[in-house]
């Protein structure tokens, strides 16, 4: 249920997308995808991929690789 709530919140709000991405959601989503069977997974994997798509599509700040941020720390 939390995955669907995040998807709805992030759908049309770039500020929410940035907050979610900053909290390390990509690592968590990919971990869930792996646990659920990867490409062979079901609806949970599809929901994870959908949220990843929402977070990166049209939001340039979420498309920058982590290593660029790490160089500035």
Protein backbone atom coordinates (compact mmCIF):
# COMPACT_ATOMS: atom_id res chain seq x y z
CA UNK A 1 0.00 0.00 0.00
CA UNK A 2 2.86 2.42 0.79
CA UNK A 3 4.20 1.97 -2.72
CA UNK A 4 0.89 3.02 -4.24
CA UNK A 5 0.64 6.03 -1.93
CA UNK A 6 4.14 7.19 -2.93
CA UNK A 7 3.22 6.75 -6.58
CA UNK A 8 0.11 8.88 -6.21
CA UNK A 9 1.92 11.58 -4.23
CA UNK A 10 4.80 11.76 -6.71
CA UNK A 11 2.71 11.57 -9.86
CA UNK A 12 2.43 15.30 -10.60
CA UNK A 13 4.53 16.97 -7.93
CA UNK A 14 8.23 17.49 -8.64
CA UNK A 15 8.90 18.71 -5.10
CA UNK A 16 7.55 15.45 -3.67
CA UNK A 17 9.59 13.55 -6.28
CA UNK A 18 12.78 15.25 -5.09
CA UNK A 19 12.03 14.53 -1.44
CA UNK A 20 11.30 10.87 -2.16
CA UNK A 21 14.44 10.49 -4.29
CA UNK A 22 16.59 12.20 -1.64
CA UNK A 23 15.42 9.65 0.93
CA UNK A 24 17.10 6.81 -0.99
CA UNK A 25 14.00 5.36 -2.58
CA UNK A 26 15.82 4.12 -5.69
CA UNK A 27 17.95 1.69 -3.68
CA UNK A 28 14.87 0.47 -1.81
CA UNK A 29 12.84 0.03 -5.00
CA UNK A 30 15.59 -1.95 -6.71
CA UNK A 31 15.93 -4.09 -3.60
CA UNK A 32 12.18 -4.82 -3.66
CA UNK A 33 12.40 -5.65 -7.37
CA UNK A 34 15.20 -8.13 -6.66
CA UNK A 35 13.33 -9.74 -3.75
CA UNK A 36 10.16 -10.03 -5.82
CA UNK A 37 11.90 -11.91 -8.64
CA UNK A 38 13.22 -9.17 -10.92
CA UNK A 39 11.89 -9.27 -14.47
CA UNK A 40 9.87 -12.35 -13.59
CA UNK A 41 8.13 -10.51 -10.73
CA UNK A 42 4.49 -9.58 -10.66
CA UNK A 43 2.45 -6.50 -9.88
CA UNK A 44 4.76 -5.30 -7.10
CA UNK A 45 7.68 -5.17 -9.53
CA UNK A 46 5.50 -3.34 -12.03
CA UNK A 47 4.50 -0.82 -9.34
CA UNK A 48 8.17 -0.27 -8.42
CA UNK A 49 9.11 0.32 -12.06
CA UNK A 50 6.18 2.68 -12.45
CA UNK A 51 7.32 4.75 -9.46
CA UNK A 52 10.92 4.83 -10.76
CA UNK A 53 9.61 6.07 -14.09
CA UNK A 54 7.57 8.81 -12.40
CA UNK A 55 10.56 9.90 -10.34
CA UNK A 56 12.99 10.23 -13.26
CA UNK A 57 10.76 11.20 -16.16
CA UNK A 58 10.88 14.95 -16.63
CA UNK A 59 12.75 15.56 -13.39
CA UNK A 60 16.37 16.30 -14.29
CA UNK A 61 17.52 16.63 -10.67
CA UNK A 62 16.56 13.00 -10.03
CA UNK A 63 18.48 11.81 -13.10
CA UNK A 64 21.92 12.88 -11.84
CA UNK A 65 24.01 9.90 -10.69
CA UNK A 66 24.81 9.67 -6.96
CA UNK A 67 28.56 9.81 -7.53
CA UNK A 68 28.27 13.43 -8.68
CA UNK A 69 26.67 14.35 -5.36
CA UNK A 70 29.32 12.44 -3.45
CA UNK A 71 32.11 14.47 -5.06
CA UNK A 72 30.57 17.63 -3.60
CA UNK A 73 30.29 16.31 -0.05
